[in-house]
Amino acid sequence: MFLRTFGWSFGITLLGLAAAAYFWGATGFGIVLILSILEISLSFDNAVINATVLKRMNPFWQRIFLTVGVLIAVFGMRLLFPLIVVALTAHMNPVTVVQLALDETKTYNGLTYAQHLTAAHPAIAAFGGMFLLMIFLDFILGEKEIRWLEWIERPLEKIGKLDQLSVVIALIALMLSSRFFAGDRAETVLLAGVAGLTTYLAVGGLANLFESEGDEDEDGDADGDGDGEETASAGKGAGKGSSVAGVTGKAAFFLFLYLEVLDASFSFDGVVGAFAITQDVFQITLGLGIGAMYIRSLTVYLVRQGTLDDYVYLEHGAHYAIGALATILLVSIKYEIPEVVTGLIGVAFIGLALLSSILRNKREGRPSELAAAQEEDALPKL
């Protein structure tokens, strides 16, 4: 099971590191390895959040996430997207941007590709920060069956009954960020932040809309010829962690887009920070791509094992980590914050949530071993 899930990741790691050693020698090998570890350490919370969304999708779309999604994550978000950002923010044509990326000594308006990407950081941070902040706010203000930090979550749930409160809070955070952190880039930060907020509302809203329509269709079939019951049964067969993993069609497509935007929001900081280690865009893409493979595999592993059902506070810890990352991104518009701080905060929240879950399971007499929670033949074959 473990090898089946992580097999592709191990294989890509070996090929990637071998290619790094062949093209760039021992130095390149070390750089790619460091970048891979950096990406993994920064993205544990990403994997947990991915799993909460992925378990709502059927096995077919889970496979799409693990295959097509990986290609988008590696080549789209970690290679092409930074090129597009530099082209838009620096008003360069694509050919010039590619030339800058391929030659770390080449400059445009006195700046290298890495410096142009760094200059685009306020817009990147505002977009990603707002997208992640909305994820956190909708979770912390929404009603939950299980609460981790009850003294925080219960009163916030009561306040969260106010309509569109998360949007109001996010817009206030954006206005404050543009006022106190953006300086002469206030307009850019506002536009990018609104774009991040709009993207979240559009993609998430469409996914929920089509998912609701799918549920209504199933209910209608169940009342008619019984096909809905068969569909529901098929969804239940997806495994313990996939009790609602029957979303298909348009709903699954928009959930897939949601996951890709989420991945982009997490990857921004890693891509920019990677230039502190190397200026070679191919080394960055290879190293971060290897790390992205493990995040994908870890996401699927969490779904297959039903980890979020067994360790119920993991989802809470991941959302708190996302809230912290969103805050860090907005603050980083003005102040430089080391990636190690971001990574440690995420790991700390996940670790505390896991420990709290283990203690809760012991109090309730639940098994602590994931292997005892689910049989191999009940898992979705991805």
Protein backbone atom coordinates (compact mmCIF):
# COMPACT_ATOMS: atom_id res chain seq x y z
CA MET A 1 0.00 0.00 0.00
CA PHE A 2 2.74 2.45 1.00
CA LEU A 3 4.93 1.51 -1.95
CA ARG A 4 1.97 1.56 -4.31
CA THR A 5 1.12 5.11 -3.26
CA PHE A 6 4.65 6.51 -3.09
CA GLY A 7 6.19 4.38 -5.84
CA TRP A 8 6.00 7.09 -8.50
CA SER A 9 7.47 9.62 -6.08
CA PHE A 10 10.43 7.36 -5.29
CA GLY A 11 10.98 6.67 -8.97
CA ILE A 12 10.86 10.34 -9.96
CA THR A 13 13.21 11.18 -7.09
CA LEU A 14 15.83 8.71 -8.31
CA LEU A 15 15.54 9.88 -11.92
CA GLY A 16 15.53 13.55 -10.91
CA LEU A 17 18.56 13.31 -8.67
CA ALA A 18 20.40 11.23 -11.27
CA ALA A 19 19.65 13.90 -13.89
CA ALA A 20 20.83 16.63 -11.52
CA ALA A 21 24.10 14.80 -10.90
CA TYR A 22 24.59 14.20 -14.64
CA PHE A 23 23.92 17.79 -15.77
CA TRP A 24 25.19 19.81 -12.81
CA GLY A 25 27.48 17.48 -10.88
CA ALA A 26 27.60 17.07 -7.11
CA THR A 27 26.65 20.70 -6.49
CA GLY A 28 23.52 20.45 -8.60
CA PHE A 29 22.62 17.14 -6.93
CA GLY A 30 22.81 18.78 -3.50
CA ILE A 31 20.82 21.83 -4.58
CA VAL A 32 17.99 19.75 -6.07
CA LEU A 33 17.89 17.56 -2.96
CA ILE A 34 17.70 20.61 -0.67
CA LEU A 35 14.93 22.15 -2.76
CA SER A 36 12.95 18.90 -2.64
CA ILE A 37 13.20 18.74 1.15
CA LEU A 38 12.28 22.44 1.39
CA GLU A 39 9.13 21.92 -0.68
CA ILE A 40 8.03 18.91 1.37
CA SER A 41 8.64 20.64 4.71
CA LEU A 42 6.64 23.68 3.65
CA SER A 43 3.66 21.68 2.38
CA PHE A 44 2.52 19.19 5.03
CA ASP A 45 -0.52 21.37 5.73
CA ASN A 46 -1.14 21.55 1.98
CA ALA A 47 -1.39 17.75 1.82
CA VAL A 48 -3.90 17.62 4.67
CA ILE A 49 -6.12 20.28 3.11
CA ASN A 50 -5.81 18.55 -0.27
CA ALA A 51 -6.99 15.32 1.34
CA THR A 52 -10.09 16.98 2.81
CA VAL A 53 -11.09 18.01 -0.72
CA LEU A 54 -9.86 14.92 -2.56
CA LYS A 55 -11.92 12.51 -0.45
CA ARG A 56 -15.07 14.20 -1.82
CA MET A 57 -14.09 13.14 -5.37
CA ASN A 58 -14.56 9.76 -6.98
CA PRO A 59 -11.57 7.46 -7.74
CA PHE A 60 -11.36 8.65 -11.36
CA TRP A 61 -10.81 12.27 -10.37
CA GLN A 62 -8.44 11.20 -7.63
CA ARG A 63 -6.35 9.56 -10.38
CA ILE A 64 -6.58 12.74 -12.44
CA PHE A 65 -5.24 14.67 -9.44
CA LEU A 66 -2.32 12.27 -9.08
CA THR A 67 -1.43 12.28 -12.79
CA VAL A 68 -2.55 15.37 -14.69
CA GLY A 69 -2.49 17.38 -11.46
CA VAL A 70 1.17 16.54 -10.93
CA LEU A 71 2.08 17.79 -14.41
CA ILE A 72 0.23 21.04 -13.73
CA ALA A 73 1.87 21.39 -10.34
CA VAL A 74 5.41 20.75 -11.59
CA PHE A 75 5.46 22.42 -15.00
CA GLY A 76 2.54 24.80 -14.65
CA MET A 77 2.81 26.25 -11.15
CA ARG A 78 6.56 25.92 -10.62
CA LEU A 79 7.88 26.72 -14.12
CA LEU A 80 5.33 28.43 -16.37
CA PHE A 81 3.38 30.41 -13.79
CA PRO A 82 6.40 32.36 -12.45
CA LEU A 83 7.28 33.20 -16.06
CA ILE A 84 3.75 34.54 -16.62
CA VAL A 85 3.88 36.56 -13.39
CA VAL A 86 7.19 38.19 -14.39
CA ALA A 87 5.86 38.93 -17.89
CA LEU A 88 2.74 40.62 -16.52
CA THR A 89 4.30 42.58 -13.67
CA ALA A 90 7.41 43.70 -15.59
CA HIS A 91 5.51 44.28 -18.85
CA MET A 92 7.83 42.00 -20.82
CA ASN A 93 7.10 39.84 -23.82
CA PRO A 94 7.25 36.07 -23.24
CA VAL A 95 10.41 35.60 -25.31
CA THR A 96 12.36 38.08 -23.20
CA VAL A 97 11.13 36.44 -20.00
CA VAL A 98 12.27 33.01 -21.17
CA GLN A 99 15.67 34.43 -22.15
CA LEU A 100 16.03 35.96 -18.69
CA ALA A 101 15.05 32.69 -17.03
CA LEU A 102 17.57 30.68 -19.08
CA ASP A 103 20.45 33.11 -18.48
CA GLU A 104 20.84 34.13 -14.86
CA THR A 105 23.31 36.90 -15.81
CA LYS A 106 20.97 38.56 -18.34
CA THR A 107 19.06 41.63 -17.14
CA TYR A 108 16.03 43.64 -18.24
CA ASN A 109 15.72 47.19 -16.91
CA GLY A 110 18.70 46.38 -14.71
CA LEU A 111 17.08 43.33 -13.05
CA THR A 112 17.62 39.60 -13.49
CA TYR A 113 14.77 37.09 -13.72
CA ALA A 114 15.05 36.29 -10.01
CA GLN A 115 14.99 39.98 -9.11
CA HIS A 116 11.93 40.57 -11.30
CA LEU A 117 10.17 37.66 -9.58
CA THR A 118 11.11 39.08 -6.19
CA ALA A 119 9.78 42.48 -7.29
CA ALA A 120 6.48 40.77 -8.14
CA HIS A 121 6.25 39.34 -4.60
CA PRO A 122 3.72 41.91 -3.28
CA ALA A 123 1.18 40.91 -5.94
CA ILE A 124 1.93 37.21 -5.47
CA ALA A 125 1.64 37.48 -1.68
CA ALA A 126 -1.62 39.42 -1.87
CA PHE A 127 -3.25 36.92 -4.25
CA GLY A 128 -2.08 33.81 -2.38
CA GLY A 129 -2.63 35.38 1.04
CA MET A 130 -6.25 36.26 0.30
CA PHE A 131 -7.02 32.86 -1.20
CA LEU A 132 -5.57 31.05 1.83
CA LEU A 133 -7.14 33.49 4.29
CA MET A 134 -10.60 32.73 2.88
CA ILE A 135 -10.00 28.99 3.34
CA PHE A 136 -9.07 29.57 6.97
CA LEU A 137 -11.93 31.99 7.69
CA ASP A 138 -14.60 29.79 6.14
CA PHE A 139 -13.37 26.89 8.26
CA ILE A 140 -12.94 28.70 11.56
CA LEU A 141 -16.25 30.59 11.26
CA GLY A 142 -18.23 27.59 9.99
CA GLU A 143 -20.06 25.02 12.09
CA LYS A 144 -18.03 21.91 12.94
CA GLU A 145 -19.07 18.56 14.33
CA ILE A 146 -15.76 18.25 16.18
CA ARG A 147 -13.88 21.15 17.74
CA TRP A 148 -10.19 21.17 18.62
CA LEU A 149 -9.70 24.48 20.48
CA GLU A 150 -13.24 24.79 21.78
CA TRP A 151 -12.65 28.06 23.62
CA ILE A 152 -11.74 29.68 20.30
CA GLU A 153 -13.89 27.79 17.83
CA ARG A 154 -17.26 27.81 19.59
CA PRO A 155 -17.58 31.63 19.94
CA LEU A 156 -16.24 32.11 16.40
CA GLU A 157 -18.90 29.72 15.08
CA LYS A 158 -21.58 31.89 16.69
CA ILE A 159 -20.12 35.04 15.14
CA GLY A 160 -19.77 33.21 11.84
CA LYS A 161 -23.55 32.95 11.48
CA LEU A 162 -23.45 36.53 10.16
CA ASP A 163 -23.81 36.32 6.40
CA GLN A 164 -20.58 36.77 4.36
CA LEU A 165 -18.54 37.60 7.50
CA SER A 166 -15.47 35.81 6.11
CA VAL A 167 -15.50 38.04 3.01
CA VAL A 168 -15.83 41.17 5.16
CA ILE A 169 -12.91 40.16 7.39
CA ALA A 170 -10.77 39.25 4.37
CA LEU A 171 -11.43 42.60 2.69
CA ILE A 172 -10.57 44.45 5.90
CA ALA A 173 -7.31 42.47 6.11
CA LEU A 174 -6.55 43.37 2.49
CA MET A 175 -7.22 47.08 3.03
CA LEU A 176 -5.00 47.13 6.13
CA SER A 177 -2.25 45.26 4.28
CA SER A 178 -2.32 47.68 1.36
CA ARG A 179 -2.31 50.64 3.77
CA PHE A 180 0.49 49.58 6.12
CA PHE A 181 2.60 47.09 4.13
CA ALA A 182 2.33 47.96 0.45
CA GLY A 183 3.74 51.50 0.29
CA ASP A 184 3.70 52.71 -3.31
CA ARG A 185 2.45 49.26 -4.43
CA ALA A 186 -0.92 49.67 -2.72
CA GLU A 187 -2.92 49.57 -5.95
CA THR A 188 -1.12 46.41 -7.11
CA VAL A 189 -1.72 44.72 -3.77
CA LEU A 190 -5.41 45.65 -3.77
CA LEU A 191 -5.96 44.37 -7.30
CA ALA A 192 -4.07 41.12 -6.66
CA GLY A 193 -5.87 40.58 -3.36
CA VAL A 194 -9.28 41.11 -4.93
CA ALA A 195 -8.27 38.68 -7.70
CA GLY A 196 -7.36 36.06 -5.07
CA LEU A 197 -10.65 36.58 -3.24
CA THR A 198 -12.64 36.43 -6.49
CA THR A 199 -10.86 33.24 -7.57
CA TYR A 200 -11.69 31.56 -4.27
CA LEU A 201 -15.35 32.56 -4.39
CA ALA A 202 -15.76 31.63 -8.06
CA VAL A 203 -14.02 28.25 -8.06
CA GLY A 204 -15.29 27.16 -4.65
CA GLY A 205 -18.80 28.41 -5.34
CA LEU A 206 -19.07 26.61 -8.69
CA ALA A 207 -17.77 23.38 -7.16
CA ASN A 208 -20.37 23.56 -4.37
CA LEU A 209 -23.11 24.46 -6.84
CA PHE A 210 -22.51 21.50 -9.13
CA GLU A 211 -21.96 19.19 -6.16
CA SER A 212 -25.33 20.20 -4.76
CA GLU A 213 -26.98 19.64 -8.14
CA GLY A 214 -25.37 16.20 -8.27
CA ASP A 215 -26.76 15.36 -4.82
CA GLU A 216 -30.24 16.43 -5.95
CA ASP A 217 -29.98 14.25 -9.05
CA GLU A 218 -29.00 11.27 -6.91
CA ASP A 219 -31.93 11.90 -4.59
CA GLY A 220 -34.22 12.03 -7.59
CA ASP A 221 -32.86 8.75 -8.94
CA ALA A 222 -33.27 7.14 -5.54
CA ASP A 223 -36.92 8.13 -5.49
CA GLY A 224 -37.34 6.80 -9.04
CA ASP A 225 -35.76 3.64 -10.41
CA GLY A 226 -33.13 3.08 -7.72
CA ASP A 227 -30.10 4.13 -9.73
CA GLY A 228 -29.29 6.74 -7.11
CA GLU A 229 -28.91 4.02 -4.50
CA GLU A 230 -26.43 2.20 -6.68
CA THR A 231 -24.48 5.41 -7.23
CA ALA A 232 -24.39 6.09 -3.52
CA SER A 233 -23.19 2.57 -2.88
CA ALA A 234 -20.42 3.02 -5.40
CA GLY A 235 -19.34 6.17 -3.63
CA LYS A 236 -19.31 4.43 -0.26
CA GLY A 237 -17.05 1.78 -1.67
CA ALA A 238 -14.27 4.30 -2.05
CA GLY A 239 -12.90 3.64 1.40
CA LYS A 240 -13.21 4.90 4.94
CA GLY A 241 -11.59 8.24 4.17
CA SER A 242 -13.80 8.72 1.16
CA SER A 243 -17.26 8.43 2.55
CA VAL A 244 -18.46 11.17 0.23
CA ALA A 245 -16.02 10.40 -2.58
CA GLY A 246 -18.66 10.25 -5.28
CA VAL A 247 -18.41 13.75 -6.77
CA THR A 248 -18.10 13.61 -10.55
CA GLY A 249 -18.53 15.76 -13.64
CA LYS A 250 -18.51 19.54 -13.33
CA ALA A 251 -18.38 19.49 -9.53
CA ALA A 252 -15.26 17.30 -9.55
CA PHE A 253 -13.69 19.48 -12.27
CA PHE A 254 -14.09 22.64 -10.21
CA LEU A 255 -12.84 20.89 -7.09
CA PHE A 256 -9.80 19.90 -9.18
CA LEU A 257 -9.30 23.56 -10.20
CA TYR A 258 -9.69 24.53 -6.54
CA LEU A 259 -6.89 22.13 -5.60
CA GLU A 260 -4.62 23.53 -8.32
CA VAL A 261 -5.15 27.13 -7.21
CA LEU A 262 -4.57 26.02 -3.62
CA ASP A 263 -1.32 24.38 -4.69
CA ALA A 264 -0.30 27.58 -6.50
CA SER A 265 -0.95 29.64 -3.36
CA PHE A 266 1.28 27.31 -1.36
CA SER A 267 4.00 27.15 -4.02
CA PHE A 268 4.48 30.91 -4.49
CA ASP A 269 6.63 31.30 -1.40
CA GLY A 270 8.71 28.23 -2.21
CA VAL A 271 9.40 29.37 -5.77
CA VAL A 272 10.53 32.83 -4.69
CA GLY A 273 12.53 31.46 -1.77
CA ALA A 274 14.24 28.91 -4.01
CA PHE A 275 16.13 31.70 -5.78
CA ALA A 276 18.02 32.28 -2.54
CA ILE A 277 19.51 28.81 -3.08
CA THR A 278 20.03 28.81 -6.84
CA GLN A 279 19.34 31.04 -9.84
CA ASP A 280 18.94 28.09 -12.22
CA VAL A 281 15.25 27.84 -13.15
CA PHE A 282 15.59 24.19 -14.19
CA GLN A 283 17.16 23.18 -10.87
CA ILE A 284 14.33 24.99 -9.09
CA THR A 285 11.66 23.29 -11.19
CA LEU A 286 13.23 19.86 -10.74
CA GLY A 287 13.74 20.20 -6.99
CA LEU A 288 10.33 21.69 -6.23
CA GLY A 289 8.73 19.24 -8.67
CA ILE A 290 10.14 16.27 -6.77
CA GLY A 291 8.76 17.77 -3.56
CA ALA A 292 5.37 18.29 -5.21
CA MET A 293 5.26 14.60 -6.14
CA TYR A 294 5.55 13.63 -2.48
CA ILE A 295 2.82 16.07 -1.49
CA ARG A 296 0.56 14.45 -4.08
CA SER A 297 1.37 10.96 -2.86
CA LEU A 298 0.95 11.97 0.78
CA THR A 299 -2.45 13.46 -0.05
CA VAL A 300 -3.65 10.22 -1.64
CA TYR A 301 -2.17 8.19 1.23
CA LEU A 302 -4.16 10.25 3.74
CA VAL A 303 -7.35 9.63 1.75
CA ARG A 304 -6.74 5.90 1.32
CA GLN A 305 -5.91 5.36 4.96
CA GLY A 306 -8.80 7.43 6.28
CA THR A 307 -6.26 9.36 8.35
CA LEU A 308 -8.47 12.42 8.67
CA ASP A 309 -11.21 10.22 10.15
CA ASP A 310 -8.85 8.54 12.60
CA TYR A 311 -6.95 11.67 13.63
CA VAL A 312 -9.79 14.14 13.65
CA TYR A 313 -7.85 17.25 14.65
CA LEU A 314 -5.45 17.09 11.68
CA GLU A 315 -7.86 19.08 9.54
CA HIS A 316 -8.07 21.72 12.26
CA GLY A 317 -4.29 21.93 12.58
CA ALA A 318 -3.89 22.28 8.83
CA HIS A 319 -6.40 25.13 8.69
CA TYR A 320 -4.68 26.96 11.54
CA ALA A 321 -1.41 26.53 9.66
CA ILE A 322 -3.07 27.97 6.56
CA GLY A 323 -4.29 30.95 8.58
CA ALA A 324 -0.75 31.52 9.82
CA LEU A 325 0.64 31.21 6.27
CA ALA A 326 -1.94 33.69 4.95
CA THR A 327 -0.92 36.16 7.64
CA ILE A 328 2.76 35.63 6.87
CA LEU A 329 2.16 36.22 3.15
CA LEU A 330 0.38 39.51 3.79
CA VAL A 331 3.05 40.68 6.24
CA SER A 332 5.79 39.63 3.79
CA ILE A 333 4.55 42.30 1.38
CA LYS A 334 6.77 44.62 3.43
CA TYR A 335 8.87 42.44 5.74
CA GLU A 336 11.05 39.51 4.70
CA ILE A 337 10.19 36.35 6.63
CA PRO A 338 12.49 33.29 6.30
CA GLU A 339 10.95 30.17 4.77
CA VAL A 340 12.11 28.15 7.77
CA VAL A 341 9.71 30.13 9.96
CA THR A 342 6.81 29.35 7.65
CA GLY A 343 7.74 25.68 7.55
CA LEU A 344 8.17 25.34 11.31
CA ILE A 345 4.80 26.99 12.03
CA GLY A 346 3.04 24.58 9.69
CA VAL A 347 4.80 21.54 11.14
CA ALA A 348 4.06 22.75 14.69
CA PHE A 349 0.32 23.04 14.07
CA ILE A 350 0.16 19.66 12.33
CA GLY A 351 2.24 18.02 15.07
CA LEU A 352 0.09 19.45 17.87
CA ALA A 353 -3.09 18.43 16.07
CA LEU A 354 -1.77 14.90 15.58
CA LEU A 355 -0.78 14.63 19.24
CA SER A 356 -4.18 15.91 20.36
CA SER A 357 -5.87 13.38 18.07
CA ILE A 358 -3.81 10.50 19.48
CA LEU A 359 -4.66 11.54 23.05
CA ARG A 360 -8.35 11.79 22.12
CA ASN A 361 -8.29 8.32 20.59
CA LYS A 362 -6.70 6.89 23.73
CA ARG A 363 -9.36 8.50 25.92
CA GLU A 364 -12.09 7.01 23.74
CA GLY A 365 -10.37 3.63 23.41
CA ARG A 366 -9.97 3.90 19.63
CA PRO A 367 -7.13 2.03 17.85
CA SER A 368 -4.07 4.14 17.16
CA GLU A 369 -2.80 2.12 14.21
CA LEU A 370 -4.03 3.20 10.82
CA ALA A 371 -3.52 -0.29 9.47
CA ALA A 372 -6.19 -1.58 11.82
CA ALA A 373 -8.65 1.03 10.63
CA GLN A 374 -9.07 -0.16 7.07
CA GLU A 375 -8.56 -3.27 4.98
CA GLU A 376 -6.55 -3.15 1.78
CA ASP A 377 -9.35 -4.38 -0.47
CA ALA A 378 -11.64 -1.55 0.67
CA LEU A 379 -9.29 1.13 -0.68
CA PRO A 380 -9.84 3.00 -3.95
CA LYS A 381 -7.44 1.84 -6.62
CA LEU A 382 -5.70 5.01 -7.85
